[in-house]
């Protein structure tokens, strides 16, 4: 059984993502497969298991146990999935919808989509299709947990230069 972890972060509600995943899971008969961390959501989902917040250890466990992560396009959420080799689908928050202060998540989603490492649903109408196409299998780590030796060397040279 595929385990799906949904995370929206903790700063602002992202009901659009929560409800789109809830509807997708219900229509696909996948409600039992989903755990959603919904943060300060105004209206909780009707069909999937959900919690507002998880303690850090529980949050890490949810990532580790998931086969697929569905997230806002926050860099931390994306990197956490990629470091663990997890399949991930993102949907960026939009400033015009008052889901965030600016459209930095749109820029983040565009950058990761351009390198082909993260499937993006640009809005809730696309999310079901992107989820249906998502590879629900354990991926390979795309990024490491630490900076590359080349980057560390460049920074070291810069700092040590007169």
N, C-alpha and C. Protein backbone atom coordinates (compact mmCIF):
# COMPACT_ATOMS: atom_id res chain seq x y z
N UNK A 1 0.84 -1.18 0.00
CA UNK A 1 0.00 0.00 0.00
C UNK A 1 0.89 1.25 0.00
N UNK A 2 0.59 2.17 -0.87
CA UNK A 2 1.34 3.41 -0.97
C UNK A 2 0.96 4.35 0.16
N UNK A 3 1.96 4.89 0.84
CA UNK A 3 1.71 5.86 1.89
C UNK A 3 2.01 7.25 1.35
N UNK A 4 1.09 8.16 1.55
CA UNK A 4 1.21 9.52 1.04
C UNK A 4 1.20 10.48 2.22
N UNK A 5 2.21 11.33 2.29
CA UNK A 5 2.30 12.35 3.34
C UNK A 5 2.13 13.71 2.69
N UNK A 6 1.17 14.46 3.21
CA UNK A 6 0.90 15.82 2.72
C UNK A 6 1.40 16.79 3.77
N UNK A 7 2.16 17.80 3.35
CA UNK A 7 2.61 18.81 4.30
C UNK A 7 2.45 20.20 3.69
N UNK A 8 1.92 21.10 4.50
CA UNK A 8 1.66 22.46 4.02
C UNK A 8 2.48 23.50 4.77
N UNK A 9 3.37 23.07 5.65
CA UNK A 9 4.11 24.02 6.45
C UNK A 9 3.28 24.46 7.64
N UNK A 10 3.75 25.48 8.33
CA UNK A 10 3.09 25.86 9.57
C UNK A 10 2.71 27.33 9.67
N UNK A 11 3.09 28.14 8.68
CA UNK A 11 2.90 29.57 8.85
C UNK A 11 1.53 30.09 8.46
N UNK A 12 0.97 29.61 7.36
CA UNK A 12 -0.31 30.11 6.88
C UNK A 12 -1.16 28.95 6.37
N UNK A 13 -2.48 29.09 6.39
CA UNK A 13 -3.33 28.03 5.85
C UNK A 13 -3.07 27.81 4.36
N UNK A 14 -3.24 26.56 3.92
CA UNK A 14 -3.16 26.24 2.49
C UNK A 14 -4.29 25.26 2.18
N UNK A 15 -5.50 25.74 2.42
CA UNK A 15 -6.69 24.91 2.25
C UNK A 15 -6.86 24.42 0.81
N UNK A 16 -6.42 25.19 -0.16
CA UNK A 16 -6.54 24.78 -1.55
C UNK A 16 -5.85 23.44 -1.80
N UNK A 17 -4.64 23.28 -1.28
CA UNK A 17 -3.91 22.02 -1.43
C UNK A 17 -4.56 20.91 -0.61
N UNK A 18 -4.89 21.21 0.63
CA UNK A 18 -5.49 20.20 1.52
C UNK A 18 -6.77 19.64 0.91
N UNK A 19 -7.63 20.50 0.42
CA UNK A 19 -8.92 20.04 -0.11
C UNK A 19 -8.78 19.35 -1.47
N UNK A 20 -7.80 19.78 -2.25
CA UNK A 20 -7.58 19.10 -3.54
C UNK A 20 -7.08 17.68 -3.32
N UNK A 21 -6.18 17.47 -2.36
CA UNK A 21 -5.70 16.12 -2.05
C UNK A 21 -6.82 15.29 -1.44
N UNK A 22 -7.60 15.90 -0.56
CA UNK A 22 -8.72 15.21 0.07
C UNK A 22 -9.71 14.70 -0.99
N UNK A 23 -10.06 15.54 -1.95
CA UNK A 23 -10.99 15.15 -3.01
C UNK A 23 -10.38 14.06 -3.89
N UNK A 24 -9.09 14.21 -4.24
CA UNK A 24 -8.40 13.19 -5.05
C UNK A 24 -8.41 11.84 -4.33
N UNK A 25 -8.03 11.85 -3.06
CA UNK A 25 -7.97 10.60 -2.29
C UNK A 25 -9.34 9.94 -2.20
N UNK A 26 -10.36 10.73 -1.99
CA UNK A 26 -11.73 10.19 -1.89
C UNK A 26 -12.17 9.56 -3.21
N UNK A 27 -11.98 10.28 -4.32
CA UNK A 27 -12.45 9.75 -5.61
C UNK A 27 -11.64 8.56 -6.10
N UNK A 28 -10.40 8.44 -5.62
CA UNK A 28 -9.54 7.32 -6.04
C UNK A 28 -9.57 6.17 -5.03
N UNK A 29 -10.33 6.30 -3.97
CA UNK A 29 -10.37 5.27 -2.94
C UNK A 29 -9.07 5.17 -2.16
N UNK A 30 -8.38 6.29 -1.99
CA UNK A 30 -7.06 6.31 -1.36
C UNK A 30 -7.05 7.02 -0.01
N UNK A 31 -8.21 7.33 0.53
CA UNK A 31 -8.26 8.10 1.78
C UNK A 31 -7.46 7.47 2.91
N UNK A 32 -7.46 6.16 3.01
CA UNK A 32 -6.74 5.48 4.09
C UNK A 32 -5.23 5.55 3.92
N UNK A 33 -4.76 5.91 2.73
CA UNK A 33 -3.32 5.95 2.44
C UNK A 33 -2.68 7.29 2.77
N UNK A 34 -3.49 8.29 3.13
CA UNK A 34 -3.00 9.67 3.24
C UNK A 34 -2.97 10.14 4.69
N UNK A 35 -1.84 10.76 5.06
CA UNK A 35 -1.73 11.52 6.30
C UNK A 35 -1.39 12.94 5.90
N UNK A 36 -2.22 13.89 6.32
CA UNK A 36 -2.00 15.29 5.98
C UNK A 36 -1.66 16.11 7.21
N UNK A 37 -0.57 16.83 7.14
CA UNK A 37 -0.20 17.81 8.16
C UNK A 37 -0.75 19.13 7.62
N UNK A 38 -1.83 19.64 8.24
CA UNK A 38 -2.60 20.73 7.65
C UNK A 38 -2.30 22.11 8.24
N UNK A 39 -1.42 22.19 9.23
CA UNK A 39 -1.07 23.49 9.80
C UNK A 39 -2.30 24.24 10.27
N UNK A 40 -2.29 25.57 10.08
CA UNK A 40 -3.42 26.38 10.55
C UNK A 40 -4.58 26.43 9.57
N UNK A 41 -4.88 25.31 8.96
CA UNK A 41 -5.97 25.23 7.98
C UNK A 41 -7.27 25.74 8.59
N UNK A 42 -8.06 26.44 7.79
CA UNK A 42 -9.33 26.97 8.26
C UNK A 42 -10.39 25.87 8.27
N UNK A 43 -10.39 25.04 7.23
CA UNK A 43 -11.38 23.97 7.12
C UNK A 43 -10.65 22.65 6.91
N UNK A 44 -10.63 21.77 7.91
CA UNK A 44 -9.92 20.50 7.77
C UNK A 44 -10.54 19.60 6.70
N UNK A 45 -9.77 18.65 6.20
CA UNK A 45 -10.29 17.74 5.17
C UNK A 45 -11.35 16.80 5.75
N UNK A 46 -12.15 16.25 4.87
CA UNK A 46 -13.26 15.37 5.29
C UNK A 46 -12.92 13.89 5.21
N UNK A 47 -11.95 13.52 4.37
CA UNK A 47 -11.77 12.11 4.05
C UNK A 47 -10.42 11.50 4.46
N UNK A 48 -9.40 12.30 4.63
CA UNK A 48 -8.09 11.75 4.94
C UNK A 48 -7.74 12.02 6.40
N UNK A 49 -6.87 11.17 6.94
CA UNK A 49 -6.37 11.38 8.30
C UNK A 49 -5.54 12.66 8.28
N UNK A 50 -5.71 13.48 9.31
CA UNK A 50 -4.98 14.74 9.34
C UNK A 50 -4.65 15.16 10.76
N UNK A 51 -3.59 15.93 10.86
CA UNK A 51 -3.15 16.54 12.10
C UNK A 51 -2.74 17.96 11.77
N UNK A 52 -2.89 18.86 12.72
CA UNK A 52 -2.48 20.24 12.45
C UNK A 52 -0.95 20.35 12.40
N UNK A 53 -0.31 19.84 13.41
CA UNK A 53 1.15 19.93 13.49
C UNK A 53 1.71 18.61 13.99
N UNK A 54 2.94 18.34 13.63
CA UNK A 54 3.67 17.17 14.11
C UNK A 54 4.93 17.64 14.81
N UNK A 55 5.28 16.97 15.88
CA UNK A 55 6.56 17.25 16.53
C UNK A 55 7.67 16.86 15.55
N UNK A 56 8.85 17.45 15.67
CA UNK A 56 9.92 17.18 14.70
C UNK A 56 10.20 15.69 14.45
N UNK A 57 10.24 14.89 15.50
CA UNK A 57 10.52 13.46 15.32
C UNK A 57 9.38 12.77 14.56
N UNK A 58 8.14 13.15 14.86
CA UNK A 58 6.99 12.59 14.15
C UNK A 58 6.98 13.03 12.68
N UNK A 59 7.35 14.28 12.46
CA UNK A 59 7.41 14.82 11.10
C UNK A 59 8.43 14.04 10.28
N UNK A 60 9.62 13.83 10.85
CA UNK A 60 10.66 13.06 10.16
C UNK A 60 10.18 11.64 9.88
N UNK A 61 9.50 11.03 10.84
CA UNK A 61 8.99 9.68 10.66
C UNK A 61 7.96 9.63 9.52
N UNK A 62 7.09 10.65 9.45
CA UNK A 62 6.09 10.69 8.37
C UNK A 62 6.77 10.77 7.01
N UNK A 63 7.83 11.58 6.90
CA UNK A 63 8.60 11.64 5.65
C UNK A 63 9.23 10.28 5.35
N UNK A 64 9.86 9.70 6.35
CA UNK A 64 10.58 8.44 6.15
C UNK A 64 9.64 7.30 5.74
N UNK A 65 8.42 7.28 6.27
CA UNK A 65 7.48 6.20 5.98
C UNK A 65 6.70 6.42 4.70
N UNK A 66 6.72 7.62 4.17
CA UNK A 66 5.95 7.92 2.96
C UNK A 66 6.61 7.37 1.70
N UNK A 67 5.77 6.98 0.75
CA UNK A 67 6.25 6.63 -0.58
C UNK A 67 6.17 7.85 -1.49
N UNK A 68 5.24 8.74 -1.18
CA UNK A 68 5.03 9.97 -1.95
C UNK A 68 4.77 11.10 -0.98
N UNK A 69 5.40 12.24 -1.22
CA UNK A 69 5.15 13.45 -0.45
C UNK A 69 4.44 14.44 -1.36
N UNK A 70 3.39 15.05 -0.85
CA UNK A 70 2.68 16.12 -1.55
C UNK A 70 2.85 17.35 -0.68
N UNK A 71 3.37 18.43 -1.25
CA UNK A 71 3.75 19.57 -0.42
C UNK A 71 3.53 20.90 -1.11
N UNK A 72 3.52 21.93 -0.29
CA UNK A 72 3.64 23.28 -0.81
C UNK A 72 5.04 23.37 -1.41
N UNK A 73 5.34 24.40 -2.15
CA UNK A 73 6.64 24.46 -2.82
C UNK A 73 7.68 25.17 -1.96
N UNK A 74 7.71 24.82 -0.69
CA UNK A 74 8.74 25.34 0.21
C UNK A 74 10.04 24.57 0.01
N UNK A 75 11.13 25.29 -0.03
CA UNK A 75 12.43 24.66 -0.27
C UNK A 75 12.72 23.57 0.74
N UNK A 76 12.41 23.81 2.01
CA UNK A 76 12.67 22.80 3.04
C UNK A 76 11.91 21.51 2.80
N UNK A 77 10.65 21.62 2.42
CA UNK A 77 9.84 20.43 2.14
C UNK A 77 10.39 19.66 0.94
N UNK A 78 10.77 20.38 -0.10
CA UNK A 78 11.31 19.75 -1.30
C UNK A 78 12.63 19.05 -0.99
N UNK A 79 13.54 19.75 -0.33
CA UNK A 79 14.84 19.15 -0.03
C UNK A 79 14.71 17.96 0.92
N UNK A 80 13.79 18.02 1.87
CA UNK A 80 13.60 16.89 2.78
C UNK A 80 13.20 15.64 2.00
N UNK A 81 12.34 15.80 1.01
CA UNK A 81 11.94 14.64 0.19
C UNK A 81 13.10 14.17 -0.69
N UNK A 82 13.76 15.09 -1.34
CA UNK A 82 14.85 14.71 -2.25
C UNK A 82 16.02 14.07 -1.51
N UNK A 83 16.34 14.56 -0.31
CA UNK A 83 17.41 13.95 0.48
C UNK A 83 17.09 12.51 0.83
N UNK A 84 15.81 12.23 1.03
CA UNK A 84 15.37 10.88 1.41
C UNK A 84 15.07 10.00 0.20
N UNK A 85 15.20 10.54 -1.00
CA UNK A 85 14.89 9.77 -2.20
C UNK A 85 13.41 9.50 -2.36
N UNK A 86 12.58 10.40 -1.88
CA UNK A 86 11.13 10.23 -1.95
C UNK A 86 10.57 10.90 -3.20
N UNK A 87 9.56 10.27 -3.79
CA UNK A 87 8.82 10.92 -4.86
C UNK A 87 8.07 12.09 -4.22
N UNK A 88 7.99 13.21 -4.94
CA UNK A 88 7.32 14.39 -4.40
C UNK A 88 6.56 15.09 -5.52
N UNK A 89 5.43 15.65 -5.15
CA UNK A 89 4.63 16.52 -6.01
C UNK A 89 4.41 17.79 -5.21
N UNK A 90 4.59 18.95 -5.86
CA UNK A 90 4.37 20.21 -5.16
C UNK A 90 3.32 21.05 -5.87
N UNK A 91 2.69 21.91 -5.09
CA UNK A 91 1.79 22.93 -5.60
C UNK A 91 2.15 24.22 -4.87
N UNK A 92 2.60 25.24 -5.60
CA UNK A 92 3.02 26.47 -4.92
C UNK A 92 1.86 27.28 -4.36
N UNK A 93 2.12 27.88 -3.22
CA UNK A 93 1.19 28.84 -2.65
C UNK A 93 1.21 30.10 -3.54
N UNK A 94 0.13 30.85 -3.52
CA UNK A 94 0.02 32.07 -4.33
C UNK A 94 -0.26 33.28 -3.44
N UNK A 95 0.53 34.33 -3.65
CA UNK A 95 0.33 35.56 -2.88
C UNK A 95 -1.03 36.19 -3.18
N UNK A 96 -1.47 36.15 -4.43
CA UNK A 96 -2.75 36.77 -4.81
C UNK A 96 -3.94 36.11 -4.08
N UNK A 97 -3.75 34.87 -3.64
CA UNK A 97 -4.81 34.16 -2.92
C UNK A 97 -4.62 34.25 -1.40
N UNK A 98 -3.65 35.04 -0.99
CA UNK A 98 -3.32 35.26 0.43
C UNK A 98 -2.87 33.99 1.14
N UNK A 99 -2.16 33.14 0.39
CA UNK A 99 -1.62 31.91 0.96
C UNK A 99 -0.18 32.09 1.41
N UNK A 100 0.42 33.20 1.01
CA UNK A 100 1.80 33.51 1.33
C UNK A 100 2.00 35.01 1.12
N UNK A 101 3.14 35.52 1.54
CA UNK A 101 3.39 36.96 1.45
C UNK A 101 3.84 37.41 0.06
N UNK A 102 4.50 36.51 -0.67
CA UNK A 102 4.95 36.82 -2.03
C UNK A 102 4.99 35.52 -2.82
N UNK A 103 5.36 35.60 -4.07
CA UNK A 103 5.33 34.40 -4.92
C UNK A 103 6.67 33.66 -5.00
N UNK A 104 7.41 33.64 -3.90
CA UNK A 104 8.68 32.91 -3.90
C UNK A 104 8.48 31.43 -4.17
N UNK A 105 7.34 30.84 -3.76
CA UNK A 105 7.13 29.42 -4.02
C UNK A 105 6.89 29.14 -5.50
N UNK A 106 6.34 30.08 -6.22
CA UNK A 106 6.18 29.92 -7.67
C UNK A 106 7.57 29.86 -8.30
N UNK A 107 8.46 30.74 -7.86
CA UNK A 107 9.84 30.74 -8.38
C UNK A 107 10.55 29.44 -8.03
N UNK A 108 10.38 28.97 -6.81
CA UNK A 108 11.00 27.71 -6.39
C UNK A 108 10.49 26.55 -7.22
N UNK A 109 9.18 26.48 -7.42
CA UNK A 109 8.59 25.40 -8.21
C UNK A 109 9.10 25.43 -9.64
N UNK A 110 9.20 26.62 -10.23
CA UNK A 110 9.72 26.74 -11.61
C UNK A 110 11.16 26.24 -11.69
N UNK A 111 11.97 26.57 -10.69
CA UNK A 111 13.38 26.14 -10.71
C UNK A 111 13.49 24.62 -10.63
N UNK A 112 12.77 24.00 -9.72
CA UNK A 112 12.85 22.54 -9.60
C UNK A 112 12.21 21.84 -10.79
N UNK A 113 11.13 22.40 -11.32
CA UNK A 113 10.49 21.82 -12.51
C UNK A 113 11.43 21.88 -13.71
N UNK A 114 12.20 22.96 -13.81
CA UNK A 114 13.12 23.13 -14.94
C UNK A 114 14.22 22.08 -14.96
N UNK A 115 14.64 21.63 -13.79
CA UNK A 115 15.68 20.59 -13.77
C UNK A 115 15.07 19.20 -13.77
N UNK A 116 13.74 19.13 -13.74
CA UNK A 116 13.05 17.86 -13.89
C UNK A 116 13.01 16.98 -12.67
N UNK A 117 13.31 17.52 -11.50
CA UNK A 117 13.35 16.68 -10.32
C UNK A 117 12.07 16.69 -9.49
N UNK A 118 11.16 17.62 -9.79
CA UNK A 118 9.96 17.76 -8.98
C UNK A 118 8.75 18.04 -9.88
N UNK A 119 7.78 17.13 -9.93
CA UNK A 119 6.54 17.42 -10.66
C UNK A 119 5.75 18.51 -9.94
N UNK A 120 5.21 19.45 -10.72
CA UNK A 120 4.49 20.59 -10.16
C UNK A 120 3.05 20.61 -10.67
N UNK A 121 2.13 20.80 -9.75
CA UNK A 121 0.74 21.12 -10.10
C UNK A 121 0.63 22.63 -9.86
N UNK A 122 0.36 23.38 -10.89
CA UNK A 122 0.36 24.84 -10.76
C UNK A 122 -0.90 25.35 -10.08
N UNK A 123 -1.93 24.53 -10.02
CA UNK A 123 -3.12 24.89 -9.26
C UNK A 123 -3.88 23.62 -8.92
N UNK A 124 -4.97 23.78 -8.17
CA UNK A 124 -5.70 22.62 -7.68
C UNK A 124 -6.37 21.83 -8.79
N UNK A 125 -6.66 22.48 -9.93
CA UNK A 125 -7.29 21.74 -11.03
C UNK A 125 -6.31 20.77 -11.68
N UNK A 126 -5.02 21.06 -11.61
CA UNK A 126 -3.99 20.17 -12.17
C UNK A 126 -3.55 19.08 -11.20
N UNK A 127 -3.82 19.26 -9.92
CA UNK A 127 -3.23 18.38 -8.92
C UNK A 127 -3.63 16.92 -9.10
N UNK A 128 -4.90 16.64 -9.37
CA UNK A 128 -5.34 15.25 -9.52
C UNK A 128 -4.58 14.56 -10.65
N UNK A 129 -4.42 15.24 -11.78
CA UNK A 129 -3.70 14.66 -12.91
C UNK A 129 -2.23 14.42 -12.58
N UNK A 130 -1.61 15.37 -11.91
CA UNK A 130 -0.20 15.22 -11.54
C UNK A 130 -0.04 14.07 -10.54
N UNK A 131 -0.96 13.96 -9.59
CA UNK A 131 -0.91 12.85 -8.63
C UNK A 131 -1.11 11.52 -9.33
N UNK A 132 -2.03 11.47 -10.28
CA UNK A 132 -2.25 10.22 -11.02
C UNK A 132 -1.01 9.80 -11.79
N UNK A 133 -0.25 10.77 -12.30
CA UNK A 133 0.96 10.46 -13.08
C UNK A 133 2.19 10.22 -12.21
N UNK A 134 2.12 10.64 -10.96
CA UNK A 134 3.30 10.56 -10.09
C UNK A 134 3.78 9.12 -9.96
N UNK A 135 5.07 8.96 -9.98
CA UNK A 135 5.65 7.66 -9.73
C UNK A 135 5.60 7.41 -8.24
N UNK A 136 4.85 6.42 -7.84
CA UNK A 136 4.68 6.13 -6.43
C UNK A 136 5.67 5.03 -6.05
N UNK A 137 6.92 5.35 -6.16
CA UNK A 137 7.94 4.39 -5.79
C UNK A 137 9.10 5.12 -5.14
N UNK A 138 9.87 4.40 -4.45
CA UNK A 138 11.03 5.01 -3.78
C UNK A 138 12.02 5.46 -4.84
N UNK A 139 12.34 6.72 -4.82
CA UNK A 139 13.28 7.28 -5.78
C UNK A 139 14.70 7.20 -5.26
N UNK A 140 15.58 7.79 -6.01
CA UNK A 140 16.97 7.89 -5.57
C UNK A 140 17.20 9.30 -5.07
N UNK A 141 18.04 9.44 -4.09
CA UNK A 141 18.33 10.77 -3.57
C UNK A 141 18.85 11.66 -4.70
N UNK A 142 18.27 12.84 -4.81
CA UNK A 142 18.66 13.77 -5.85
C UNK A 142 19.69 14.76 -5.31
N UNK A 143 19.60 15.06 -4.04
CA UNK A 143 20.54 15.98 -3.41
C UNK A 143 21.07 15.34 -2.14
N UNK A 144 22.26 15.73 -1.78
CA UNK A 144 22.83 15.24 -0.53
C UNK A 144 22.43 16.13 0.62
N UNK A 145 22.67 15.65 1.81
CA UNK A 145 22.33 16.40 3.01
C UNK A 145 23.29 17.56 3.24
N UNK A 146 24.49 17.48 2.69
CA UNK A 146 25.51 18.49 2.92
C UNK A 146 26.00 19.07 1.60
N UNK A 147 26.66 20.20 1.68
CA UNK A 147 27.20 20.84 0.49
C UNK A 147 28.26 19.95 -0.15
N UNK A 148 28.41 20.08 -1.46
CA UNK A 148 29.40 19.28 -2.18
C UNK A 148 30.81 19.71 -1.80
N UNK A 149 31.77 18.80 -1.89
CA UNK A 149 33.16 19.16 -1.59
C UNK A 149 33.65 20.32 -2.47
N UNK A 150 33.18 20.38 -3.71
CA UNK A 150 33.58 21.48 -4.61
C UNK A 150 33.10 22.83 -4.08
N UNK A 151 31.86 22.89 -3.62
CA UNK A 151 31.32 24.14 -3.07
C UNK A 151 32.05 24.51 -1.79
N UNK A 152 32.29 23.54 -0.92
CA UNK A 152 33.00 23.81 0.33
C UNK A 152 34.40 24.34 0.03
N UNK A 153 35.07 23.75 -0.96
CA UNK A 153 36.40 24.22 -1.33
C UNK A 153 36.38 25.64 -1.86
N UNK A 154 35.40 25.97 -2.67
CA UNK A 154 35.29 27.33 -3.23
C UNK A 154 35.06 28.35 -2.12
N UNK A 155 34.19 28.01 -1.18
CA UNK A 155 33.92 28.92 -0.06
C UNK A 155 35.16 29.08 0.81
N UNK A 156 35.84 27.96 1.06
CA UNK A 156 37.05 28.00 1.87
C UNK A 156 38.10 28.89 1.20
N UNK A 157 38.29 28.74 -0.09
CA UNK A 157 39.26 29.57 -0.83
C UNK A 157 38.89 31.04 -0.75
N UNK A 158 37.62 31.34 -0.87
CA UNK A 158 37.17 32.72 -0.82
C UNK A 158 37.42 33.33 0.55
N UNK A 159 37.07 32.58 1.60
CA UNK A 159 37.23 33.07 2.96
C UNK A 159 38.70 33.25 3.32
N UNK A 160 39.55 32.34 2.86
CA UNK A 160 40.98 32.40 3.20
C UNK A 160 41.77 33.35 2.31
N UNK A 161 41.16 33.84 1.24
CA UNK A 161 41.92 34.73 0.34
C UNK A 161 42.12 36.09 0.99
N UNK A 162 43.28 36.73 0.68
CA UNK A 162 43.59 38.03 1.32
C UNK A 162 42.72 39.16 0.80
